[in-house]
N, C-alpha and C. Protein backbone atom coordinates (compact mmCIF):
# COMPACT_ATOMS: atom_id res chain seq x y z
N MET A 1 -50.70 -55.68 -12.39
CA MET A 1 -49.63 -54.78 -12.09
C MET A 1 -48.58 -54.91 -13.18
N SER A 2 -48.18 -53.86 -13.76
CA SER A 2 -47.20 -53.91 -14.83
C SER A 2 -45.81 -53.90 -14.25
N GLY A 3 -44.83 -54.23 -15.06
CA GLY A 3 -43.45 -54.26 -14.62
C GLY A 3 -42.83 -52.87 -14.55
N HIS A 4 -43.55 -51.87 -14.99
CA HIS A 4 -43.02 -50.51 -15.00
C HIS A 4 -43.21 -49.87 -13.63
N THR A 5 -42.17 -49.35 -13.05
CA THR A 5 -42.29 -48.64 -11.77
C THR A 5 -41.99 -47.17 -12.02
N HIS A 6 -42.69 -46.35 -11.29
CA HIS A 6 -42.49 -44.90 -11.43
C HIS A 6 -41.51 -44.44 -10.35
N SER A 7 -40.45 -43.83 -10.78
CA SER A 7 -39.50 -43.28 -9.80
C SER A 7 -39.39 -41.78 -10.02
N GLU A 8 -39.36 -41.05 -8.94
CA GLU A 8 -39.23 -39.60 -9.04
C GLU A 8 -37.81 -39.23 -9.35
N SER A 9 -37.66 -38.22 -10.15
CA SER A 9 -36.31 -37.74 -10.44
C SER A 9 -35.78 -37.02 -9.20
N PRO A 10 -34.45 -36.91 -9.07
CA PRO A 10 -33.88 -36.26 -7.89
C PRO A 10 -34.32 -34.80 -7.76
N GLN A 11 -34.63 -34.16 -8.88
CA GLN A 11 -35.08 -32.77 -8.80
C GLN A 11 -36.59 -32.74 -8.71
N THR A 12 -37.10 -32.26 -7.63
CA THR A 12 -38.53 -32.14 -7.45
C THR A 12 -38.91 -30.67 -7.39
N ALA A 13 -40.19 -30.42 -7.42
CA ALA A 13 -40.66 -29.03 -7.34
C ALA A 13 -40.22 -28.38 -6.04
N ASN A 14 -40.10 -29.18 -4.98
CA ASN A 14 -39.69 -28.62 -3.69
C ASN A 14 -38.27 -28.07 -3.73
N GLN A 15 -37.41 -28.64 -4.53
CA GLN A 15 -36.04 -28.15 -4.61
C GLN A 15 -35.98 -26.75 -5.19
N SER A 16 -36.85 -26.44 -6.15
CA SER A 16 -36.84 -25.09 -6.69
C SER A 16 -37.27 -24.10 -5.62
N ASP A 17 -38.13 -24.52 -4.70
CA ASP A 17 -38.50 -23.66 -3.58
C ASP A 17 -37.29 -23.39 -2.69
N LEU A 18 -36.45 -24.37 -2.49
CA LEU A 18 -35.28 -24.20 -1.65
C LEU A 18 -34.29 -23.21 -2.25
N ASN A 19 -34.27 -23.11 -3.56
CA ASN A 19 -33.36 -22.16 -4.20
C ASN A 19 -33.74 -20.72 -3.88
N MET A 20 -34.98 -20.50 -3.47
CA MET A 20 -35.42 -19.15 -3.15
C MET A 20 -35.22 -18.82 -1.68
N LEU A 21 -34.81 -19.77 -0.89
CA LEU A 21 -34.61 -19.57 0.54
C LEU A 21 -33.30 -18.82 0.78
N THR A 22 -33.39 -17.75 1.51
CA THR A 22 -32.21 -16.99 1.87
C THR A 22 -32.08 -16.98 3.39
N ILE A 23 -30.94 -17.38 3.86
CA ILE A 23 -30.69 -17.40 5.30
C ILE A 23 -29.63 -16.36 5.60
N THR A 24 -29.93 -15.46 6.52
CA THR A 24 -28.95 -14.48 6.93
C THR A 24 -28.73 -14.62 8.43
N ALA A 25 -27.53 -14.38 8.83
CA ALA A 25 -27.20 -14.44 10.25
C ALA A 25 -26.44 -13.17 10.59
N ALA A 26 -26.98 -12.43 11.52
CA ALA A 26 -26.30 -11.22 11.95
C ALA A 26 -25.09 -11.60 12.79
N ALA A 27 -24.11 -10.73 12.78
CA ALA A 27 -22.89 -10.98 13.54
C ALA A 27 -22.61 -9.79 14.44
N THR A 28 -21.95 -10.04 15.55
CA THR A 28 -21.55 -8.98 16.46
C THR A 28 -20.05 -9.04 16.64
N LEU A 29 -19.41 -7.90 16.44
CA LEU A 29 -17.98 -7.75 16.72
C LEU A 29 -17.89 -7.03 18.04
N LYS A 30 -17.45 -7.73 19.08
CA LYS A 30 -17.37 -7.16 20.43
C LYS A 30 -15.94 -6.69 20.68
N LEU A 31 -15.80 -5.39 20.89
CA LEU A 31 -14.49 -4.81 21.15
C LEU A 31 -14.37 -4.49 22.64
N LYS A 32 -13.17 -4.71 23.18
CA LYS A 32 -12.91 -4.45 24.60
C LYS A 32 -11.57 -3.73 24.74
N GLY A 33 -11.45 -2.96 25.78
CA GLY A 33 -10.19 -2.28 26.07
C GLY A 33 -10.09 -0.96 25.35
N GLU A 34 -9.00 -0.78 24.62
CA GLU A 34 -8.75 0.48 23.93
C GLU A 34 -8.85 0.30 22.42
N LEU A 35 -9.59 1.19 21.79
CA LEU A 35 -9.61 1.23 20.33
C LEU A 35 -8.66 2.36 19.96
N ALA A 36 -7.38 2.06 20.12
CA ALA A 36 -6.34 3.07 19.98
C ALA A 36 -5.04 2.39 19.55
N GLY A 37 -4.17 3.18 18.92
CA GLY A 37 -2.85 2.67 18.53
C GLY A 37 -2.95 1.42 17.67
N PRO A 38 -2.14 0.42 17.99
CA PRO A 38 -2.10 -0.80 17.17
C PRO A 38 -3.40 -1.61 17.22
N TRP A 39 -4.23 -1.36 18.23
CA TRP A 39 -5.48 -2.11 18.36
C TRP A 39 -6.50 -1.68 17.31
N VAL A 40 -6.32 -0.49 16.73
CA VAL A 40 -7.22 -0.05 15.66
C VAL A 40 -7.06 -0.97 14.46
N ASP A 41 -5.81 -1.28 14.11
CA ASP A 41 -5.57 -2.18 12.97
C ASP A 41 -6.13 -3.57 13.24
N GLU A 42 -6.00 -4.04 14.48
CA GLU A 42 -6.55 -5.36 14.84
C GLU A 42 -8.07 -5.37 14.69
N ALA A 43 -8.71 -4.31 15.16
CA ALA A 43 -10.17 -4.22 15.06
C ALA A 43 -10.59 -4.11 13.59
N ALA A 44 -9.86 -3.33 12.82
CA ALA A 44 -10.18 -3.17 11.39
C ALA A 44 -10.08 -4.50 10.68
N GLN A 45 -9.03 -5.25 10.96
CA GLN A 45 -8.85 -6.55 10.32
C GLN A 45 -10.01 -7.49 10.67
N ALA A 46 -10.41 -7.50 11.93
CA ALA A 46 -11.53 -8.36 12.35
C ALA A 46 -12.82 -7.94 11.64
N TRP A 47 -13.06 -6.63 11.53
CA TRP A 47 -14.27 -6.14 10.87
C TRP A 47 -14.25 -6.49 9.38
N PHE A 48 -13.09 -6.33 8.73
CA PHE A 48 -13.00 -6.67 7.30
C PHE A 48 -13.23 -8.16 7.07
N GLU A 49 -12.73 -8.99 7.97
CA GLU A 49 -12.94 -10.44 7.83
C GLU A 49 -14.42 -10.79 7.98
N ILE A 50 -15.08 -10.17 8.94
CA ILE A 50 -16.51 -10.45 9.15
C ILE A 50 -17.33 -9.95 7.96
N THR A 51 -17.01 -8.74 7.48
CA THR A 51 -17.80 -8.18 6.39
C THR A 51 -17.46 -8.78 5.03
N ALA A 52 -16.41 -9.57 4.97
CA ALA A 52 -16.13 -10.30 3.73
C ALA A 52 -17.12 -11.46 3.57
N ALA A 53 -17.67 -11.92 4.70
CA ALA A 53 -18.58 -13.06 4.68
C ALA A 53 -20.05 -12.66 4.67
N ARG A 54 -20.33 -11.41 5.01
CA ARG A 54 -21.73 -10.94 5.07
C ARG A 54 -21.73 -9.44 4.89
N PRO A 55 -22.87 -8.87 4.50
CA PRO A 55 -22.93 -7.42 4.33
C PRO A 55 -22.68 -6.70 5.66
N ALA A 56 -22.03 -5.56 5.60
CA ALA A 56 -21.72 -4.79 6.81
C ALA A 56 -22.98 -4.41 7.58
N LYS A 57 -24.10 -4.24 6.88
CA LYS A 57 -25.34 -3.86 7.57
C LYS A 57 -25.83 -4.96 8.50
N GLU A 58 -25.30 -6.17 8.36
CA GLU A 58 -25.67 -7.28 9.25
C GLU A 58 -24.70 -7.43 10.41
N VAL A 59 -23.77 -6.50 10.53
CA VAL A 59 -22.75 -6.57 11.58
C VAL A 59 -22.98 -5.45 12.59
N THR A 60 -23.07 -5.83 13.85
CA THR A 60 -23.17 -4.87 14.94
C THR A 60 -21.81 -4.83 15.63
N VAL A 61 -21.32 -3.64 15.89
CA VAL A 61 -20.06 -3.46 16.60
C VAL A 61 -20.41 -3.06 18.03
N ASP A 62 -20.09 -3.95 18.96
CA ASP A 62 -20.41 -3.73 20.37
C ASP A 62 -19.22 -3.04 21.04
N LEU A 63 -19.44 -1.81 21.47
CA LEU A 63 -18.39 -0.99 22.09
C LEU A 63 -18.55 -0.91 23.60
N SER A 64 -19.41 -1.73 24.18
CA SER A 64 -19.69 -1.61 25.61
C SER A 64 -18.47 -1.88 26.47
N GLY A 65 -17.49 -2.60 25.95
CA GLY A 65 -16.29 -2.89 26.73
C GLY A 65 -15.11 -1.99 26.40
N VAL A 66 -15.34 -0.97 25.56
CA VAL A 66 -14.25 -0.07 25.15
C VAL A 66 -14.15 1.08 26.15
N ARG A 67 -12.93 1.35 26.61
CA ARG A 67 -12.76 2.43 27.59
C ARG A 67 -12.06 3.66 27.01
N ARG A 68 -11.44 3.53 25.83
CA ARG A 68 -10.78 4.68 25.22
C ARG A 68 -10.73 4.52 23.73
N ILE A 69 -10.93 5.64 23.00
CA ILE A 69 -10.87 5.64 21.54
C ILE A 69 -10.02 6.83 21.10
N ASP A 70 -8.99 6.56 20.28
CA ASP A 70 -8.18 7.66 19.75
C ASP A 70 -8.70 8.07 18.37
N GLU A 71 -8.01 9.00 17.72
CA GLU A 71 -8.47 9.49 16.40
C GLU A 71 -8.54 8.37 15.37
N GLY A 72 -7.56 7.47 15.37
CA GLY A 72 -7.59 6.33 14.45
C GLY A 72 -8.80 5.44 14.70
N GLY A 73 -9.14 5.25 15.98
CA GLY A 73 -10.32 4.47 16.33
C GLY A 73 -11.59 5.15 15.87
N LYS A 74 -11.65 6.48 16.03
CA LYS A 74 -12.82 7.23 15.57
C LYS A 74 -12.98 7.10 14.06
N ASN A 75 -11.86 7.18 13.34
CA ASN A 75 -11.92 7.03 11.88
C ASN A 75 -12.42 5.65 11.49
N LEU A 76 -11.96 4.62 12.20
CA LEU A 76 -12.43 3.26 11.91
C LEU A 76 -13.93 3.15 12.19
N LEU A 77 -14.39 3.68 13.31
CA LEU A 77 -15.82 3.62 13.62
C LEU A 77 -16.64 4.35 12.56
N ARG A 78 -16.14 5.48 12.09
CA ARG A 78 -16.82 6.22 11.03
C ARG A 78 -16.92 5.35 9.77
N GLN A 79 -15.82 4.68 9.44
CA GLN A 79 -15.81 3.80 8.26
C GLN A 79 -16.81 2.64 8.44
N MET A 80 -16.85 2.08 9.63
CA MET A 80 -17.80 1.00 9.90
C MET A 80 -19.24 1.48 9.73
N MET A 81 -19.53 2.67 10.27
CA MET A 81 -20.88 3.22 10.15
C MET A 81 -21.22 3.52 8.70
N GLN A 82 -20.29 4.09 7.97
CA GLN A 82 -20.53 4.39 6.56
C GLN A 82 -20.73 3.11 5.75
N GLY A 83 -20.10 2.02 6.20
CA GLY A 83 -20.27 0.74 5.54
C GLY A 83 -21.62 0.10 5.83
N GLY A 84 -22.32 0.62 6.86
CA GLY A 84 -23.64 0.10 7.18
C GLY A 84 -23.74 -0.60 8.52
N SER A 85 -22.62 -0.80 9.21
CA SER A 85 -22.67 -1.47 10.51
C SER A 85 -23.31 -0.57 11.55
N GLN A 86 -23.95 -1.20 12.52
CA GLN A 86 -24.53 -0.49 13.64
C GLN A 86 -23.54 -0.51 14.79
N LEU A 87 -23.41 0.61 15.49
CA LEU A 87 -22.54 0.67 16.65
C LEU A 87 -23.41 0.61 17.90
N ARG A 88 -23.05 -0.29 18.80
CA ARG A 88 -23.77 -0.41 20.07
C ARG A 88 -22.81 0.01 21.17
N ASP A 89 -23.28 0.89 22.01
CA ASP A 89 -22.41 1.46 23.04
C ASP A 89 -22.91 1.09 24.43
N GLY A 90 -22.13 1.45 25.41
CA GLY A 90 -22.52 1.17 26.77
C GLY A 90 -22.19 2.32 27.71
N ARG A 91 -21.03 2.89 27.55
CA ARG A 91 -20.58 3.94 28.45
C ARG A 91 -20.91 5.31 27.90
N LEU A 92 -21.10 6.25 28.79
CA LEU A 92 -21.49 7.60 28.41
C LEU A 92 -20.49 8.25 27.46
N MET A 93 -19.20 8.11 27.72
CA MET A 93 -18.18 8.73 26.87
C MET A 93 -18.22 8.13 25.46
N ILE A 94 -18.41 6.84 25.37
CA ILE A 94 -18.49 6.19 24.07
C ILE A 94 -19.72 6.67 23.32
N LYS A 95 -20.84 6.83 24.01
CA LYS A 95 -22.05 7.36 23.38
C LYS A 95 -21.78 8.75 22.83
N HIS A 96 -21.07 9.56 23.60
CA HIS A 96 -20.73 10.92 23.16
C HIS A 96 -19.89 10.88 21.88
N ILE A 97 -18.91 10.00 21.84
CA ILE A 97 -18.04 9.88 20.66
C ILE A 97 -18.86 9.44 19.45
N ILE A 98 -19.72 8.47 19.62
CA ILE A 98 -20.55 8.00 18.51
C ILE A 98 -21.45 9.13 18.01
N ASN A 99 -22.06 9.86 18.93
CA ASN A 99 -22.92 10.98 18.53
C ASN A 99 -22.13 12.03 17.75
N ARG A 100 -20.89 12.27 18.11
CA ARG A 100 -20.05 13.23 17.40
C ARG A 100 -19.71 12.71 16.00
N LEU A 101 -19.61 11.41 15.84
CA LEU A 101 -19.32 10.84 14.52
C LEU A 101 -20.50 11.03 13.56
N LEU A 102 -21.69 11.15 14.11
CA LEU A 102 -22.90 11.25 13.30
C LEU A 102 -23.09 12.64 12.72
N VAL A 103 -22.37 13.63 13.22
CA VAL A 103 -22.54 15.00 12.70
C VAL A 103 -21.55 15.32 11.62
């Protein structure tokens, strides 16, 4: 047995495989109450913060708890949709509003 020992370098072939690994996590922004008046700005800020960390297409906006949407809220939802977010609805009126945004 010789005095020479073989030690692996810290970088192995497996590490290059790890560099190709991409992990994505979808996020849901759940809105409740009214998407109207000052709450539109609050919702917009929350959406911008979430989409700063991940692509908008990975963000679902859950509207199942929303009971009223004003024009500012509709504009925000349109912006979210154009950014790539999916809108999930629950109530019939909200579904109607979303369908109107699509035309």
